[in-house]
Amino acid sequence: MSAKGRDQTTGDQGFVLVNALVLVAALAAVATLLLSRAEQGRSRLEVGLVADQLSLSLDAFDALAISQLARDTGAQDHLQEAWARPLPPLPLAQGEVAGRLQDLQGRFNVNWLSRSDNALAQAAFARLLGGLGLPPRLGDDIRRFVTPGAQQANKQGWLLRDPPLDPVGGPLLSADQLADLPGLSPRAYARLRPLITALPGDSRLNVNTAQAPVLASFLPDLSSAGLAQLLRRRDGEGFVSVESFLSAARLHQGEDSATPAAQDDPPPEAAEALGPEQISVHSQWFRADSQAWLSGVSAHRVSLLRRRASGRRPALIWQVTHRP
């Protein structure tokens, strides 16, 4: 073969080799892309499976909470019952789930403030804010927030937000909605939030589960010592009736005064301050807080339960789940 032929053959071989290398590189890139997508798909599938398993764990806690309330056939609800004790962490295959039930009727219902004729609730809320060291104007702001149409007269604070908001006002579905209230700082919200709830306006305060600051706000004539005695008495097995609670509250108020009142005659404003139409010794509304952990990932859920009567299975009203 001539030198010219050899050079041409060598050039052709080099061209073929270059093309082969380019093809191999392209195939390697495609394979890498496919493997990367497959790995991403596998990771998404794994995350999805973990999220589903976490949701099932939270569902299991809700079912347990509902069954606990359904088994409670007592005539009153108090803090010594089985449902009121936090559930210790229960082991899962690769994690655990834990949670607790809380009686929301032991908190101050901010939807009571939506009724302008409920002077008792408005005065009690002002005392509650004062006891927490929060400014009285917050009571006016929250009252406007839960009153239909009242926000239209005070829109400036909302319109200055980013993005601007235009709330219509009205009873809340959850007290968490107050977190967006202009003028309510995160610190003030954090102090107030554990003591409040958002329930239908006709709900009553359960005096057997009411938190001490909430109960004190409805009993302005009761001293700290009198409140402590009242709480010690109820924290055993709870008051069996509204009448027995009012009698005990009246007695302690009488002991606090310079001239004790007769047990048959309530001190001035006692009946006006708190009467049987505002309180109860049993509850319908409960909150279930649960958290599940699995493979280093966690999820949290808040569920609202309503039990219309003791011994009946509660209904799930809503639930909010935070998960990966």
Protein backbone atom coordinates (compact mmCIF):
# COMPACT_ATOMS: atom_id res chain seq x y z
CA MET A 1 0.00 0.00 0.00
CA SER A 2 1.29 3.40 -0.88
CA ALA A 3 2.10 6.02 1.72
CA LYS A 4 -0.86 8.03 0.58
CA GLY A 5 -3.21 5.04 1.03
CA ARG A 6 -1.80 4.34 4.47
CA ASP A 7 -2.37 7.92 5.52
CA GLN A 8 -5.95 7.83 4.29
CA THR A 9 -6.62 4.55 6.12
CA THR A 10 -5.12 5.96 9.32
CA GLY A 11 -7.26 9.09 8.99
CA ASP A 12 -10.40 7.02 8.51
CA GLN A 13 -9.61 4.92 11.57
CA GLY A 14 -9.01 8.04 13.63
CA PHE A 15 -12.34 9.50 12.52
CA VAL A 16 -14.14 6.27 13.42
CA LEU A 17 -12.39 6.19 16.79
CA VAL A 18 -13.36 9.79 17.54
CA ASN A 19 -16.98 9.05 16.60
CA ALA A 20 -16.95 5.95 18.77
CA LEU A 21 -15.61 7.93 21.72
CA VAL A 22 -18.24 10.63 21.23
CA LEU A 23 -20.95 7.96 21.09
CA VAL A 24 -19.63 6.27 24.23
CA ALA A 25 -19.53 9.62 26.04
CA ALA A 26 -23.10 10.38 24.95
CA LEU A 27 -24.30 6.97 26.08
CA ALA A 28 -22.50 7.41 29.40
CA ALA A 29 -24.15 10.79 29.89
CA VAL A 30 -27.57 9.31 29.10
CA ALA A 31 -26.92 6.41 31.48
CA THR A 32 -25.80 8.83 34.21
CA LEU A 33 -28.93 10.93 33.67
CA LEU A 34 -31.16 7.86 33.81
CA LEU A 35 -29.44 6.60 36.96
CA SER A 36 -29.75 10.06 38.56
CA ARG A 37 -33.45 10.21 37.73
CA ALA A 38 -33.91 6.68 39.00
CA GLU A 39 -32.17 7.63 42.26
CA GLN A 40 -34.30 10.76 42.58
CA GLY A 41 -37.40 8.69 41.93
CA ARG A 42 -36.31 6.15 44.52
CA SER A 43 -35.65 8.93 47.04
CA ARG A 44 -39.04 10.52 46.36
CA LEU A 45 -40.70 7.13 46.70
CA GLU A 46 -38.90 6.53 49.99
CA VAL A 47 -39.88 9.96 51.32
CA GLY A 48 -43.46 9.37 50.20
CA LEU A 49 -43.57 6.00 51.95
CA VAL A 50 -42.19 7.51 55.16
CA ALA A 51 -44.76 10.34 55.00
CA ASP A 52 -47.57 7.82 54.46
CA GLN A 53 -46.37 5.69 57.38
CA LEU A 54 -46.19 8.78 59.60
CA SER A 55 -49.75 9.70 58.62
CA LEU A 56 -50.93 6.19 59.44
CA SER A 57 -49.24 6.47 62.85
CA LEU A 58 -51.02 9.75 63.53
CA ASP A 59 -54.29 8.19 62.36
CA ALA A 60 -53.73 5.42 64.88
CA PHE A 61 -53.31 7.96 67.69
CA ASP A 62 -56.52 9.74 66.66
CA ALA A 63 -58.35 6.41 66.72
CA LEU A 64 -56.95 5.71 70.20
CA ALA A 65 -57.99 9.18 71.43
CA ILE A 66 -61.50 8.72 70.05
CA SER A 67 -61.83 5.32 71.70
CA GLN A 68 -60.61 6.75 75.03
CA LEU A 69 -63.28 9.43 74.97
CA ALA A 70 -65.94 6.94 73.88
CA ARG A 71 -65.12 4.71 76.87
CA ASP A 72 -65.52 7.62 79.27
CA THR A 73 -69.10 7.26 80.52
CA GLY A 74 -68.85 9.50 83.60
CA ALA A 75 -71.21 12.38 84.22
CA GLN A 76 -68.34 14.83 84.57
CA ASP A 77 -64.95 15.40 82.96
CA HIS A 78 -61.95 16.22 85.14
CA LEU A 79 -58.17 16.11 85.02
CA GLN A 80 -57.79 12.81 86.88
CA GLU A 81 -59.45 10.75 84.14
CA ALA A 82 -57.51 8.44 81.83
CA TRP A 83 -57.99 10.63 78.75
CA ALA A 84 -56.32 13.60 80.50
CA ARG A 85 -53.00 11.80 80.99
CA PRO A 86 -50.38 12.17 78.22
CA LEU A 87 -49.81 8.98 76.27
CA PRO A 88 -46.21 7.75 76.65
CA PRO A 89 -44.35 7.13 73.38
CA LEU A 90 -45.51 3.92 71.73
CA PRO A 91 -42.87 2.03 69.71
CA LEU A 92 -43.29 1.53 65.96
CA ALA A 93 -41.26 -0.65 63.62
CA GLN A 94 -38.66 2.10 63.07
CA GLY A 95 -39.91 4.90 65.30
CA GLU A 96 -42.62 5.89 67.77
CA VAL A 97 -45.79 7.93 68.24
CA ALA A 98 -46.92 9.97 71.27
CA GLY A 99 -49.57 12.52 72.10
CA ARG A 100 -52.21 13.80 74.48
CA LEU A 101 -55.82 14.91 74.71
CA GLN A 102 -56.79 18.33 76.06
CA ASP A 103 -60.19 19.61 77.07
CA LEU A 104 -60.69 22.81 75.08
CA GLN A 105 -63.57 23.84 77.32
CA GLY A 106 -60.99 24.43 80.03
CA ARG A 107 -59.75 27.43 78.01
CA PHE A 108 -61.19 30.87 77.30
CA ASN A 109 -63.28 30.73 74.12
CA VAL A 110 -62.45 33.89 72.13
CA ASN A 111 -65.66 33.47 70.12
CA TRP A 112 -67.56 34.49 73.27
CA LEU A 113 -66.27 37.99 72.48
CA SER A 114 -68.20 38.10 69.19
CA ARG A 115 -71.41 38.74 71.16
CA SER A 116 -71.67 42.36 72.23
CA ASP A 117 -74.14 41.42 74.99
CA ASN A 118 -71.69 39.03 76.68
CA ALA A 119 -70.32 41.53 79.18
CA LEU A 120 -69.19 38.71 81.47
CA ALA A 121 -66.80 37.29 78.86
CA GLN A 122 -65.46 40.71 77.90
CA ALA A 123 -64.72 41.62 81.52
CA ALA A 124 -63.13 38.21 82.17
CA PHE A 125 -60.95 38.51 79.08
CA ALA A 126 -59.75 41.94 80.18
CA ARG A 127 -58.76 40.43 83.55
CA LEU A 128 -57.06 37.51 81.81
CA LEU A 129 -54.95 39.89 79.70
CA GLY A 130 -54.10 41.94 82.78
CA GLY A 131 -52.96 38.86 84.67
CA LEU A 132 -50.64 38.00 81.77
CA GLY A 133 -49.22 41.51 81.68
CA LEU A 134 -50.69 42.17 78.22
CA PRO A 135 -52.12 45.58 77.21
CA PRO A 136 -55.91 46.05 77.41
CA ARG A 137 -56.07 47.18 73.76
CA LEU A 138 -55.48 43.57 72.72
CA GLY A 139 -58.93 42.76 74.07
CA ASP A 140 -60.48 45.38 71.77
CA ASP A 141 -58.42 44.17 68.80
CA ILE A 142 -59.40 40.54 69.30
CA ARG A 143 -63.05 41.44 69.91
CA ARG A 144 -63.14 43.31 66.59
CA PHE A 145 -61.35 40.41 64.90
CA VAL A 146 -64.06 37.90 65.89
CA THR A 147 -67.03 40.24 65.33
CA PRO A 148 -68.62 40.09 61.85
CA GLY A 149 -68.05 43.33 59.95
CA ALA A 150 -66.11 45.04 62.72
CA GLN A 151 -62.79 44.81 60.84
CA GLN A 152 -64.09 47.11 58.10
CA ALA A 153 -63.77 50.05 60.50
CA ASN A 154 -60.15 49.17 61.33
CA LYS A 155 -58.59 47.99 58.06
CA GLN A 156 -55.44 50.09 57.96
CA GLY A 157 -53.27 47.68 59.92
CA TRP A 158 -54.28 44.80 57.66
CA LEU A 159 -53.79 46.74 54.41
CA LEU A 160 -50.22 47.59 55.41
CA ARG A 161 -49.25 43.93 55.64
CA ASP A 162 -47.27 42.21 52.89
CA PRO A 163 -49.33 40.96 51.18
CA PRO A 164 -52.21 43.21 52.27
CA LEU A 165 -55.21 41.45 53.82
CA ASP A 166 -58.87 42.37 54.11
CA PRO A 167 -60.47 40.10 56.77
CA VAL A 168 -64.24 40.23 57.05
CA GLY A 169 -64.26 39.37 60.76
CA GLY A 170 -66.35 36.77 62.53
CA PRO A 171 -66.03 33.75 64.83
CA LEU A 172 -62.81 31.77 64.38
CA LEU A 173 -62.36 28.14 63.41
CA SER A 174 -59.05 27.99 65.28
CA ALA A 175 -57.37 30.33 67.73
CA ASP A 176 -54.25 29.97 65.57
CA GLN A 177 -55.85 32.54 63.25
CA LEU A 178 -54.99 35.20 65.83
CA ALA A 179 -51.30 34.80 64.95
CA ASP A 180 -51.91 37.15 61.99
CA LEU A 181 -53.53 39.87 64.10
CA PRO A 182 -51.70 43.22 63.68
CA GLY A 183 -50.48 44.49 67.00
CA LEU A 184 -50.29 41.05 68.60
CA SER A 185 -46.57 40.38 68.91
CA PRO A 186 -45.23 36.82 68.68
CA ARG A 187 -44.22 37.04 72.34
CA ALA A 188 -47.69 38.15 73.45
CA TYR A 189 -49.31 35.52 71.24
CA ALA A 190 -47.11 32.81 72.75
CA ARG A 191 -48.23 33.81 76.27
CA LEU A 192 -51.90 33.97 75.38
CA ARG A 193 -52.26 31.00 73.03
CA PRO A 194 -52.18 28.15 75.62
CA LEU A 195 -55.10 29.74 77.50
CA ILE A 196 -57.51 30.35 74.62
CA THR A 197 -59.49 28.36 72.10
CA ALA A 198 -62.05 28.95 69.35
CA LEU A 199 -65.30 27.01 69.77
CA PRO A 200 -68.97 27.70 69.02
CA GLY A 201 -70.20 30.68 71.01
CA ASP A 202 -72.66 28.59 73.04
CA SER A 203 -69.94 26.38 74.55
CA ARG A 204 -69.48 26.55 78.33
CA LEU A 205 -66.42 26.72 80.53
CA ASN A 206 -65.70 23.39 82.23
CA VAL A 207 -64.80 24.39 85.79
CA ASN A 208 -63.28 20.94 86.42
CA THR A 209 -60.61 21.43 83.73
CA ALA A 210 -60.34 25.23 83.51
CA GLN A 211 -56.78 26.50 83.79
CA ALA A 212 -56.17 28.59 86.90
CA PRO A 213 -55.72 31.97 85.12
CA VAL A 214 -58.91 31.41 83.11
CA LEU A 215 -60.92 30.41 86.17
CA ALA A 216 -59.57 33.36 88.14
CA SER A 217 -60.64 35.76 85.39
CA PHE A 218 -64.28 34.72 85.93
CA LEU A 219 -64.03 34.97 89.74
CA PRO A 220 -62.72 38.49 90.40
CA ASP A 221 -63.80 38.44 94.05
CA LEU A 222 -61.75 35.33 94.80
CA SER A 223 -58.30 35.90 96.32
CA SER A 224 -55.24 33.87 95.36
CA ALA A 225 -55.58 31.81 98.56
CA GLY A 226 -59.27 31.19 97.86
CA LEU A 227 -58.52 30.15 94.29
CA ALA A 228 -55.82 27.76 95.50
CA GLN A 229 -58.27 26.12 97.91
CA LEU A 230 -60.88 25.84 95.18
CA LEU A 231 -58.40 24.23 92.80
CA ARG A 232 -57.22 21.75 95.44
CA ARG A 233 -60.80 20.73 96.08
CA ARG A 234 -61.62 20.21 92.40
CA ASP A 235 -58.33 18.52 91.43
CA GLY A 236 -59.26 15.36 93.32
CA GLU A 237 -62.20 13.93 91.43
CA GLY A 238 -63.74 17.16 90.21
CA PHE A 239 -67.01 18.84 91.12
CA VAL A 240 -70.01 16.60 90.51
CA SER A 241 -72.29 19.46 89.49
CA VAL A 242 -72.34 23.11 88.56
CA GLU A 243 -74.20 23.84 91.79
CA SER A 244 -71.51 22.22 93.95
CA PHE A 245 -68.84 24.34 92.25
CA LEU A 246 -70.79 27.58 92.69
CA SER A 247 -71.41 26.72 96.33
CA ALA A 248 -67.70 26.12 96.90
CA ALA A 249 -66.72 29.30 95.06
CA ARG A 250 -69.25 31.30 97.07
CA LEU A 251 -67.91 29.82 100.31
CA HIS A 252 -64.31 30.75 99.51
CA GLN A 253 -65.34 34.24 98.45
CA GLY A 254 -67.12 34.60 101.77
CA GLU A 255 -64.01 33.44 103.65
CA ASP A 256 -61.92 36.04 101.81
CA SER A 257 -64.14 38.94 102.79
CA ALA A 258 -63.97 40.82 106.09
CA THR A 259 -67.56 39.88 106.86
CA PRO A 260 -68.28 36.38 105.54
CA ALA A 261 -71.52 36.17 103.60
CA ALA A 262 -74.15 33.66 104.51
CA GLN A 263 -73.84 30.50 102.44
CA ASP A 264 -77.40 30.89 101.15
CA ASP A 265 -76.77 34.44 99.90
CA PRO A 266 -74.02 34.99 97.33
CA PRO A 267 -71.84 38.05 97.79
CA PRO A 268 -72.58 41.05 95.58
CA GLU A 269 -71.96 40.40 91.86
CA ALA A 270 -71.17 36.70 92.45
CA ALA A 271 -74.24 35.43 90.63
CA GLU A 272 -73.79 38.15 88.01
CA ALA A 273 -70.10 37.31 87.58
CA LEU A 274 -70.58 33.60 86.96
CA GLY A 275 -73.77 31.61 86.81
CA PRO A 276 -74.86 28.09 85.89
CA GLU A 277 -75.68 29.15 82.33
CA GLN A 278 -72.01 29.89 81.59
CA ILE A 279 -70.29 26.85 83.11
CA SER A 280 -70.37 23.06 83.06
CA VAL A 281 -68.68 20.05 84.67
CA HIS A 282 -68.49 18.02 81.45
CA SER A 283 -67.15 18.76 77.99
CA GLN A 284 -67.86 18.16 74.32
CA TRP A 285 -64.80 19.68 72.66
CA PHE A 286 -61.33 18.14 72.82
CA ARG A 287 -58.02 18.67 71.07
CA ALA A 288 -55.70 15.77 70.20
CA ASP A 289 -52.00 16.64 69.73
CA SER A 290 -49.86 13.84 68.33
CA GLN A 291 -46.36 13.44 66.95
CA ALA A 292 -44.79 10.50 65.15
CA TRP A 293 -41.13 9.73 64.41
CA LEU A 294 -39.89 7.32 61.75
CA SER A 295 -36.39 6.89 60.30
CA GLY A 296 -35.26 10.23 61.70
CA VAL A 297 -38.27 12.11 60.26
CA SER A 298 -41.18 13.48 62.31
CA ALA A 299 -44.74 14.68 61.69
CA HIS A 300 -47.16 16.53 63.97
CA ARG A 301 -50.96 16.72 63.93
CA VAL A 302 -53.66 18.70 65.71
CA SER A 303 -57.20 17.27 65.61
CA LEU A 304 -60.46 18.74 66.88
CA LEU A 305 -62.90 16.20 68.34
CA ARG A 306 -66.49 16.69 69.43
CA ARG A 307 -68.26 14.28 71.77
CA ARG A 308 -71.93 15.22 72.03
CA ALA A 309 -72.57 13.12 75.15
CA SER A 310 -70.59 11.00 77.61
CA GLY A 311 -70.07 7.48 76.35
CA ARG A 312 -70.71 8.40 72.71
CA ARG A 313 -68.09 8.12 70.00
CA PRO A 314 -66.65 11.59 69.22
CA ALA A 315 -66.69 13.01 65.72
CA LEU A 316 -63.56 14.28 64.00
CA ILE A 317 -64.28 17.92 63.07
CA TRP A 318 -60.95 18.88 61.48
CA GLN A 319 -57.28 18.02 61.57
CA VAL A 320 -54.10 19.78 60.51
CA THR A 321 -51.02 17.69 59.78
CA HIS A 322 -47.47 18.96 59.37
CA ARG A 323 -45.32 16.33 57.68
CA PRO A 324 -42.30 16.07 55.32
